[in-house]
Amino acid sequence: MTAPRSFMLIAGEPSGDHLGAELVRALRVAPRMLAHPFPPRFIGAGGPHMQAAGVNLSLDLTEHAVFGISDVLRQYRKFRTIFHQMLRRAETEQPDAVILIDFSGFNRRLARALKNRIRARRNVFRNWDPKLIYYVSPQVWASRESRADSLAKDIDLLLSIFPFEKEWYRNRIPTLRVNYIGHPMIDRFAPMPTATRPASSPSTKLPPLVLLLPGSRQRELDSHLPVLLEAVALIRSRTTIRVRMILPNARLTDSAREQIPPASNLEIQTGDLSESLGEADLAIASSGTVTMECAFFRVPTVVIYKTSRLTYEIGKRIIRVKSIAMPNIIAGETIYPERIQEAATAGNIAADALNLLENPEQTRRVREQLASVIASLGTGGASHRGAEAILDLWNVHARADSPNQT
């Protein structure tokens, strides 16, 4: 009797939770899975979206997302416990594949530990030899390029969502099997409007809508909220705006409500980011995945990032790219103004925001540039291409192909 194919997924951040859920749904309906006599089985650690997709979670790892090296050091013991918990579950349940989704610091180490244990115990315990897949390339092209060598030693497949990464890996380490699958948000947001913004159209006479996107972690909220509130006050001293803060879960929303004075005249919302981006005129956003979501909806954005002094000083010495916002990196130019660390003052943020709010020609150029960025990501179907690339790892003919795949 043929056993069901089993997959273990590890995602430690809300963005990875979304990616994992979409990949699980794609694997379930892949023709090769539908032809299998038994449905696939999914286990691991992630968040509510993966759980809703049918993953049997050991824990909600997204609740433990960290913000910089100082957070990692403070929570070292907790993450060490979780790390060994995941190792034990992998060894106990012996999945056919382990899919590590973003969450680079944790997942790269988990890949190394798994591969070392597999090598040490070969010919023992039913010759368990799972495929190791890394989904979303760690930003090794931005800092510490030597990490690419470890990836090549430890994983069987890297799924890339940005077009420039494939060529980088081909030039740097051609033995690593890399599949560029496109960006899953193309499917996620495809039904949503990107061109019309009725909130500030002449017919409605409503003031422009400004979104505040402080981040998906508690430490990001704590670092960014004070300067965001001060920047909003400065913008309002010059022009009339509507302001909506969007947070990914109820826990962060409750925390924000505790910190925001009732007189701030600021709407706070949990989730439904895409609906708000469809009507937004401007966003002020923490650097991260959300900047690409803003780009998809052609929303002019001021990107900010404030972290601990230790994290910033380390990052400043090892990061080789000029920008931190992915739309700027893809475009090779500054589309979104970036205000980092000491430059992330209320005055600077407000000035950048007002420049976009009060300059229609500048806004038009930004939206045109963002359209080009999104067009470079290709068409929909990323999760399904990722599922097929994973299933190809058991295909003898596919494994004989050149390592760096399309």
Protein backbone atom coordinates (compact mmCIF):
# COMPACT_ATOMS: atom_id res chain seq x y z
CA MET A 1 0.00 0.00 0.00
CA THR A 2 1.35 3.43 -0.94
CA ALA A 3 1.65 5.81 2.04
CA PRO A 4 0.35 9.38 1.74
CA ARG A 5 2.93 11.98 0.84
CA SER A 6 3.78 14.09 3.91
CA PHE A 7 5.12 17.63 4.15
CA MET A 8 6.47 19.60 7.09
CA LEU A 9 6.30 23.41 6.76
CA ILE A 10 7.95 25.99 9.03
CA ALA A 11 6.89 29.64 8.82
CA GLY A 12 7.73 32.17 11.53
CA GLU A 13 6.17 35.40 10.28
CA PRO A 14 2.71 36.48 9.06
CA SER A 15 3.93 36.86 5.47
CA GLY A 16 5.34 33.33 5.55
CA ASP A 17 2.09 32.05 7.02
CA HIS A 18 0.26 33.39 3.94
CA LEU A 19 2.83 31.83 1.60
CA GLY A 20 2.64 28.49 3.38
CA ALA A 21 -1.15 28.37 3.24
CA GLU A 22 -1.18 29.16 -0.49
CA LEU A 23 1.47 26.53 -1.18
CA VAL A 24 -0.44 23.88 0.79
CA ARG A 25 -3.60 24.57 -1.18
CA ALA A 26 -1.62 24.34 -4.44
CA LEU A 27 -0.04 21.02 -3.40
CA ARG A 28 -3.44 19.57 -2.55
CA VAL A 29 -4.79 20.18 -6.07
CA ALA A 30 -1.62 19.39 -8.02
CA PRO A 31 -2.44 16.69 -10.62
CA ARG A 32 0.19 14.35 -9.22
CA MET A 33 -1.31 14.68 -5.74
CA LEU A 34 -4.85 14.15 -7.01
CA ALA A 35 -3.66 11.00 -8.78
CA HIS A 36 -2.20 9.66 -5.53
CA PRO A 37 -4.41 7.10 -3.75
CA PHE A 38 -4.20 9.06 -0.48
CA PRO A 39 -4.38 12.82 0.17
CA PRO A 40 -1.16 14.51 1.33
CA ARG A 41 -0.51 15.18 5.00
CA PHE A 42 0.80 18.52 6.31
CA ILE A 43 2.43 19.23 9.67
CA GLY A 44 4.72 21.91 11.09
CA ALA A 45 4.66 25.36 12.65
CA GLY A 46 3.13 28.52 11.25
CA GLY A 47 0.10 30.69 11.85
CA PRO A 48 -3.68 30.88 11.43
CA HIS A 49 -3.64 30.83 7.62
CA MET A 50 -1.63 27.61 7.50
CA GLN A 51 -3.88 26.10 10.14
CA ALA A 52 -6.96 27.03 8.10
CA ALA A 53 -5.34 25.37 5.07
CA GLY A 54 -5.16 22.10 7.02
CA VAL A 55 -1.64 22.09 8.46
CA ASN A 56 -1.37 20.26 11.78
CA LEU A 57 0.61 22.87 13.72
CA SER A 58 2.82 22.17 16.71
CA LEU A 59 2.56 25.86 17.60
CA ASP A 60 1.75 29.28 16.19
CA LEU A 61 5.30 30.37 15.44
CA THR A 62 4.12 33.70 14.02
CA GLU A 63 3.32 34.81 17.58
CA HIS A 64 7.06 34.72 18.30
CA ALA A 65 8.27 36.86 15.38
CA VAL A 66 11.32 38.89 16.40
CA PHE A 67 12.64 42.32 15.47
CA GLY A 68 16.42 42.51 15.06
CA ILE A 69 19.38 40.91 16.77
CA SER A 70 18.55 42.37 20.19
CA ASP A 71 15.18 40.58 20.20
CA VAL A 72 16.86 37.34 19.15
CA LEU A 73 19.35 37.57 22.01
CA ARG A 74 16.64 38.33 24.57
CA GLN A 75 14.55 35.36 23.44
CA TYR A 76 17.38 32.92 22.74
CA ARG A 77 16.23 30.25 25.19
CA LYS A 78 12.67 30.29 23.87
CA PHE A 79 13.81 29.91 20.26
CA ARG A 80 16.27 27.21 21.23
CA THR A 81 13.39 25.23 22.77
CA ILE A 82 11.21 25.71 19.69
CA PHE A 83 14.12 24.78 17.42
CA HIS A 84 14.65 21.42 19.14
CA GLN A 85 10.90 20.83 19.25
CA MET A 86 10.79 21.14 15.46
CA LEU A 87 13.80 18.86 15.06
CA ARG A 88 12.19 16.21 17.24
CA ARG A 89 8.90 16.37 15.35
CA ALA A 90 10.70 16.04 12.04
CA GLU A 91 12.64 13.01 13.22
CA THR A 92 9.58 11.41 14.81
CA GLU A 93 7.18 11.88 11.90
CA GLN A 94 9.79 11.67 9.12
CA PRO A 95 8.01 13.74 6.45
CA ASP A 96 8.87 13.28 2.79
CA ALA A 97 9.72 16.97 2.48
CA VAL A 98 10.54 19.84 4.81
CA ILE A 99 9.56 23.25 3.43
CA LEU A 100 11.27 26.16 5.19
CA ILE A 101 9.44 29.42 4.51
CA ASP A 102 11.45 32.62 4.89
CA PHE A 103 12.28 33.26 8.63
CA SER A 104 15.91 33.09 7.64
CA GLY A 105 17.83 33.03 10.92
CA PHE A 106 15.78 30.15 12.31
CA ASN A 107 15.15 28.17 9.13
CA ARG A 108 18.69 28.21 7.75
CA ARG A 109 19.92 26.73 11.02
CA LEU A 110 17.14 24.19 11.02
CA ALA A 111 18.09 23.12 7.49
CA ARG A 112 21.70 22.63 8.56
CA ALA A 113 20.72 20.65 11.69
CA LEU A 114 18.34 18.43 9.74
CA LYS A 115 20.86 17.74 7.00
CA ASN A 116 23.58 16.92 9.54
CA ARG A 117 21.32 14.47 11.36
CA ILE A 118 20.19 12.85 8.13
CA ARG A 119 23.80 12.36 7.02
CA ALA A 120 24.84 10.99 10.41
CA ARG A 121 21.97 8.48 10.54
CA ARG A 122 21.95 7.30 6.96
CA ASN A 123 21.09 3.57 6.73
CA VAL A 124 19.28 3.92 10.08
CA PHE A 125 15.59 4.61 10.80
CA ARG A 126 14.21 3.49 7.41
CA ASN A 127 16.80 5.54 5.51
CA TRP A 128 14.79 8.71 6.04
CA ASP A 129 16.06 11.23 3.49
CA PRO A 130 13.54 14.06 3.08
CA LYS A 131 13.72 16.73 0.42
CA LEU A 132 14.63 20.10 1.93
CA ILE A 133 13.04 23.09 0.23
CA TYR A 134 13.65 26.74 1.05
CA TYR A 135 10.79 29.00 -0.03
CA VAL A 136 11.71 32.67 -0.54
CA SER A 137 15.41 33.23 -0.91
CA PRO A 138 17.21 34.61 2.13
CA GLN A 139 18.61 37.98 1.12
CA VAL A 140 22.12 36.61 0.72
CA TRP A 141 22.56 38.93 -2.27
CA ALA A 142 22.23 41.88 0.14
CA SER A 143 24.67 40.74 2.83
CA ARG A 144 26.91 37.81 3.79
CA GLU A 145 27.05 36.12 0.40
CA SER A 146 28.77 33.10 1.92
CA ARG A 147 25.39 31.98 3.26
CA ALA A 148 24.61 30.87 -0.30
CA ASP A 149 27.27 28.16 0.03
CA SER A 150 25.49 26.76 3.10
CA LEU A 151 22.20 26.75 1.24
CA ALA A 152 23.75 24.74 -1.58
CA LYS A 153 25.01 22.15 0.90
CA ASP A 154 21.81 21.84 2.90
CA ILE A 155 18.80 22.20 0.61
CA ASP A 156 17.54 20.42 -2.49
CA LEU A 157 15.51 23.27 -3.95
CA LEU A 158 15.25 27.03 -3.56
CA LEU A 159 11.99 28.66 -4.65
CA SER A 160 12.60 32.29 -5.63
CA ILE A 161 9.88 34.94 -5.96
CA PHE A 162 11.98 37.79 -7.41
CA PRO A 163 13.33 37.64 -10.99
CA PHE A 164 16.84 38.98 -10.35
CA GLU A 165 17.65 36.26 -7.79
CA LYS A 166 17.90 33.41 -10.28
CA GLU A 167 20.70 35.05 -12.24
CA TRP A 168 22.49 36.00 -9.01
CA TYR A 169 22.52 32.37 -7.85
CA ARG A 170 23.49 31.12 -11.31
CA ASN A 171 26.55 33.38 -11.26
CA ARG A 172 27.41 32.83 -7.61
CA ILE A 173 26.64 29.16 -7.02
CA PRO A 174 25.35 27.31 -10.12
CA THR A 175 25.09 23.94 -8.37
CA LEU A 176 22.15 25.15 -6.30
CA ARG A 177 18.79 24.15 -7.79
CA VAL A 178 16.78 27.39 -8.07
CA ASN A 179 13.28 27.80 -9.49
CA TYR A 180 11.95 31.29 -10.06
CA ILE A 181 8.20 30.84 -9.64
CA GLY A 182 6.96 34.45 -9.58
CA HIS A 183 5.31 36.29 -6.72
CA PRO A 184 2.25 34.71 -5.03
CA MET A 185 0.66 38.10 -4.35
CA ILE A 186 -0.17 38.37 -8.06
CA ASP A 187 -2.80 35.68 -7.49
CA ARG A 188 -3.64 36.81 -3.98
CA PHE A 189 -4.60 40.31 -5.06
CA ALA A 190 -5.49 39.82 -8.73
CA PRO A 191 -9.26 40.36 -8.23
CA MET A 192 -8.64 43.61 -6.33
CA PRO A 193 -8.79 47.00 -8.12
CA THR A 194 -5.49 48.84 -8.47
CA ALA A 195 -6.31 51.91 -10.53
CA THR A 196 -9.35 53.60 -8.99
CA ARG A 197 -9.28 55.30 -5.62
CA PRO A 198 -12.78 56.56 -4.92
CA ALA A 199 -11.82 57.77 -1.45
CA SER A 200 -10.37 61.02 -2.83
CA SER A 201 -12.17 61.30 -6.15
CA PRO A 202 -13.86 64.64 -6.94
CA SER A 203 -17.30 63.07 -6.76
CA THR A 204 -16.97 61.94 -3.15
CA LYS A 205 -15.13 65.02 -1.85
CA LEU A 206 -13.44 62.92 0.81
CA PRO A 207 -9.95 63.86 2.01
CA PRO A 208 -7.03 61.65 0.95
CA LEU A 209 -6.69 58.36 2.81
CA VAL A 210 -3.29 57.76 4.46
CA LEU A 211 -2.52 54.25 5.71
CA LEU A 212 -0.16 53.66 8.62
CA LEU A 213 1.50 50.24 8.45
CA PRO A 214 3.85 50.03 11.44
CA GLY A 215 4.77 46.35 11.06
CA SER A 216 3.74 42.85 12.07
CA ARG A 217 5.73 42.51 15.30
CA GLN A 218 5.24 44.06 18.72
CA ARG A 219 8.70 45.60 18.74
CA GLU A 220 8.07 47.21 15.35
CA LEU A 221 4.83 48.69 16.62
CA ASP A 222 6.55 50.02 19.75
CA SER A 223 9.41 51.52 17.73
CA HIS A 224 7.36 53.05 14.93
CA LEU A 225 4.11 54.17 16.55
CA PRO A 226 5.37 57.31 18.36
CA VAL A 227 7.05 58.77 15.27
CA LEU A 228 4.07 57.87 13.08
CA LEU A 229 1.65 59.69 15.37
CA GLU A 230 3.89 62.75 15.44
CA ALA A 231 4.25 62.70 11.64
CA VAL A 232 0.47 62.50 11.23
CA ALA A 233 0.07 65.56 13.45
CA LEU A 234 2.53 67.48 11.26
CA ILE A 235 0.77 66.44 8.06
CA ARG A 236 -2.58 67.47 9.50
CA SER A 237 -1.18 70.87 10.33
CA ARG A 238 -0.79 71.40 6.57
CA THR A 239 -3.67 69.53 4.99
CA THR A 240 -6.79 67.50 5.75
CA ILE A 241 -6.39 63.72 5.62
CA ARG A 242 -8.11 60.58 6.77
CA VAL A 243 -5.81 58.19 8.64
CA ARG A 244 -6.20 54.44 9.06
CA MET A 245 -3.74 52.17 10.85
CA ILE A 246 -3.81 48.52 9.82
CA LEU A 247 -2.35 45.73 11.93
CA PRO A 248 -2.25 42.01 11.11
CA ASN A 249 -3.83 40.59 14.28
CA ALA A 250 -6.00 41.46 17.26
CA ARG A 251 -3.10 41.29 19.70
CA LEU A 252 -1.26 44.13 17.97
CA THR A 253 -4.48 46.05 17.47
CA ASP A 254 -5.19 45.94 21.20
CA SER A 255 -1.64 47.08 21.92
CA ALA A 256 -1.99 50.00 19.50
CA ARG A 257 -5.29 51.08 21.05
CA GLU A 258 -3.61 51.22 24.44
CA GLN A 259 -0.89 53.54 23.10
CA ILE A 260 -2.93 55.86 20.86
CA PRO A 261 -4.74 58.78 22.56
CA PRO A 262 -8.51 58.75 21.92
CA ALA A 263 -8.31 62.28 20.54
CA SER A 264 -6.01 61.18 17.69
CA ASN A 265 -8.93 60.77 15.27
CA LEU A 266 -7.28 57.71 13.82
CA GLU A 267 -9.06 54.56 12.65
CA ILE A 268 -7.47 51.28 13.73
CA GLN A 269 -8.21 48.15 11.73
CA THR A 270 -7.27 44.49 12.03
CA GLY A 271 -6.49 42.81 8.71
CA ASP A 272 -8.19 43.45 5.34
CA LEU A 273 -5.12 45.34 4.15
CA SER A 274 -5.82 44.75 0.47
CA GLU A 275 -9.22 46.46 0.61
CA SER A 276 -7.67 49.55 2.17
CA LEU A 277 -4.76 49.59 -0.27
CA GLY A 278 -7.28 49.62 -3.09
CA GLU A 279 -8.57 53.00 -1.93
CA ALA A 280 -5.45 54.52 -0.31
CA ASP A 281 -3.75 57.66 -1.59
CA LEU A 282 -0.58 57.23 0.48
CA ALA A 283 1.00 54.79 2.91
CA ILE A 284 3.67 55.17 5.56
CA ALA A 285 5.00 51.66 6.03
CA SER A 286 7.62 49.69 7.86
CA SER A 287 10.14 48.12 5.51
CA GLY A 288 9.24 44.53 4.67
CA THR A 289 6.83 42.45 2.63
CA VAL A 290 4.15 45.12 2.92
CA THR A 291 6.09 47.46 0.65
CA MET A 292 5.52 45.04 -2.23
CA GLU A 293 1.83 44.92 -1.40
CA CYS A 294 1.76 48.72 -1.54
CA ALA A 295 3.52 48.51 -4.90
CA PHE A 296 0.95 46.07 -6.28
CA PHE A 297 -1.82 48.56 -5.54
CA ARG A 298 0.32 51.44 -6.91
CA VAL A 299 0.20 53.25 -3.57
CA PRO A 300 2.89 55.95 -3.11
CA THR A 301 4.64 55.05 0.13
CA VAL A 302 7.13 56.46 2.59
CA VAL A 303 9.19 53.56 3.94
CA ILE A 304 10.48 53.74 7.50
CA TYR A 305 12.54 51.48 9.73
CA LYS A 306 13.71 51.96 13.29
CA THR A 307 15.42 49.23 15.28
CA SER A 308 17.82 48.84 18.19
CA ARG A 309 21.21 50.52 17.99
CA LEU A 310 22.94 47.11 18.04
CA THR A 311 20.88 45.73 15.14
CA TYR A 312 21.34 48.90 13.13
CA GLU A 313 25.11 49.07 13.60
CA ILE A 314 25.52 45.42 12.63
CA GLY A 315 23.27 45.82 9.59
CA LYS A 316 25.06 48.95 8.44
CA ARG A 317 28.34 47.05 8.27
CA ILE A 318 27.15 43.96 6.41
CA ILE A 319 24.37 45.12 4.05
CA ARG A 320 25.65 45.78 0.53
CA VAL A 321 22.52 47.05 -1.23
CA LYS A 322 21.69 50.76 -1.32
CA SER A 323 17.97 50.34 -0.59
CA ILE A 324 15.96 48.28 1.87
CA ALA A 325 12.54 48.55 0.21
CA MET A 326 12.10 45.73 -2.30
CA PRO A 327 10.33 47.90 -4.94
CA ASN A 328 13.41 50.16 -4.96
CA ILE A 329 15.75 47.16 -5.21
CA ILE A 330 13.82 45.66 -8.14
CA ALA A 331 13.64 49.02 -9.94
CA GLY A 332 17.28 49.88 -9.29
CA GLU A 333 16.22 53.38 -8.26
CA THR A 334 14.46 55.19 -5.44
CA ILE A 335 10.72 55.05 -6.05
CA TYR A 336 9.78 55.05 -2.38
CA PRO A 337 11.61 57.47 -0.09
CA GLU A 338 13.30 55.59 2.74
CA ARG A 339 13.74 56.99 6.24
CA ILE A 340 15.94 54.71 8.31
CA GLN A 341 16.94 54.95 11.98
CA GLU A 342 18.00 58.56 12.81
CA ALA A 343 16.51 59.78 9.52
CA ALA A 344 13.11 58.35 10.51
CA THR A 345 12.01 61.56 12.21
CA ALA A 346 8.48 62.90 12.20
CA GLY A 347 9.63 65.94 10.25
CA ASN A 348 11.28 63.91 7.49
CA ILE A 349 8.39 61.47 7.21
CA ALA A 350 5.82 64.28 7.09
CA ALA A 351 7.83 66.17 4.45
CA ASP A 352 8.02 63.08 2.22
CA ALA A 353 4.32 62.40 2.68
CA LEU A 354 3.32 65.97 1.88
CA ASN A 355 5.52 65.98 -1.21
CA LEU A 356 3.49 63.07 -2.55
CA LEU A 357 0.10 64.30 -1.35
CA GLU A 358 0.56 67.79 -2.78
CA ASN A 359 2.35 66.89 -6.02
CA PRO A 360 0.05 65.06 -8.46
CA GLU A 361 2.74 64.81 -11.14
CA GLN A 362 5.13 63.13 -8.71
CA THR A 363 2.39 60.75 -7.65
CA ARG A 364 1.66 59.88 -11.28
CA ARG A 365 5.34 59.07 -11.93
CA VAL A 366 5.53 56.89 -8.83
CA ARG A 367 2.49 54.89 -9.90
CA GLU A 368 3.93 54.37 -13.37
CA GLN A 369 7.20 53.13 -11.88
CA LEU A 370 5.34 50.78 -9.55
CA ALA A 371 3.40 49.36 -12.49
CA SER A 372 6.73 48.46 -14.14
CA VAL A 373 7.98 46.82 -10.94
CA ILE A 374 4.89 44.63 -10.66
CA ALA A 375 4.97 43.78 -14.38
CA SER A 376 8.51 42.44 -13.89
CA LEU A 377 7.16 39.80 -11.50
CA GLY A 378 5.37 37.98 -14.30
CA THR A 379 1.96 36.34 -14.33
CA GLY A 380 -0.03 34.50 -11.70
CA GLY A 381 0.31 30.87 -10.72
CA ALA A 382 3.37 31.14 -8.44
CA SER A 383 2.09 28.77 -5.75
CA HIS A 384 1.14 26.16 -8.35
CA ARG A 385 4.56 26.45 -10.02
CA GLY A 386 6.14 26.07 -6.59
CA ALA A 387 4.09 22.95 -5.89
CA GLU A 388 5.09 21.40 -9.22
CA ALA A 389 8.76 22.24 -8.62
CA ILE A 390 8.60 20.50 -5.23
CA LEU A 391 6.92 17.41 -6.68
CA ASP A 392 9.52 17.33 -9.47
CA LEU A 393 12.12 16.51 -6.82
CA TRP A 394 10.81 12.93 -6.89
CA ASN A 395 10.90 12.85 -10.67
CA VAL A 396 14.06 11.16 -11.92
CA HIS A 397 14.01 13.00 -15.25
CA ALA A 398 13.57 16.42 -13.63
CA ARG A 399 16.42 15.75 -11.22
CA ALA A 400 18.71 15.06 -14.16
CA ASP A 401 18.10 18.55 -15.54
CA SER A 402 20.34 21.53 -15.00
CA PRO A 403 20.33 22.63 -11.31
CA ASN A 404 19.21 26.23 -11.91
CA GLN A 405 15.68 25.82 -13.23
CA THR A 406 13.28 28.36 -14.75
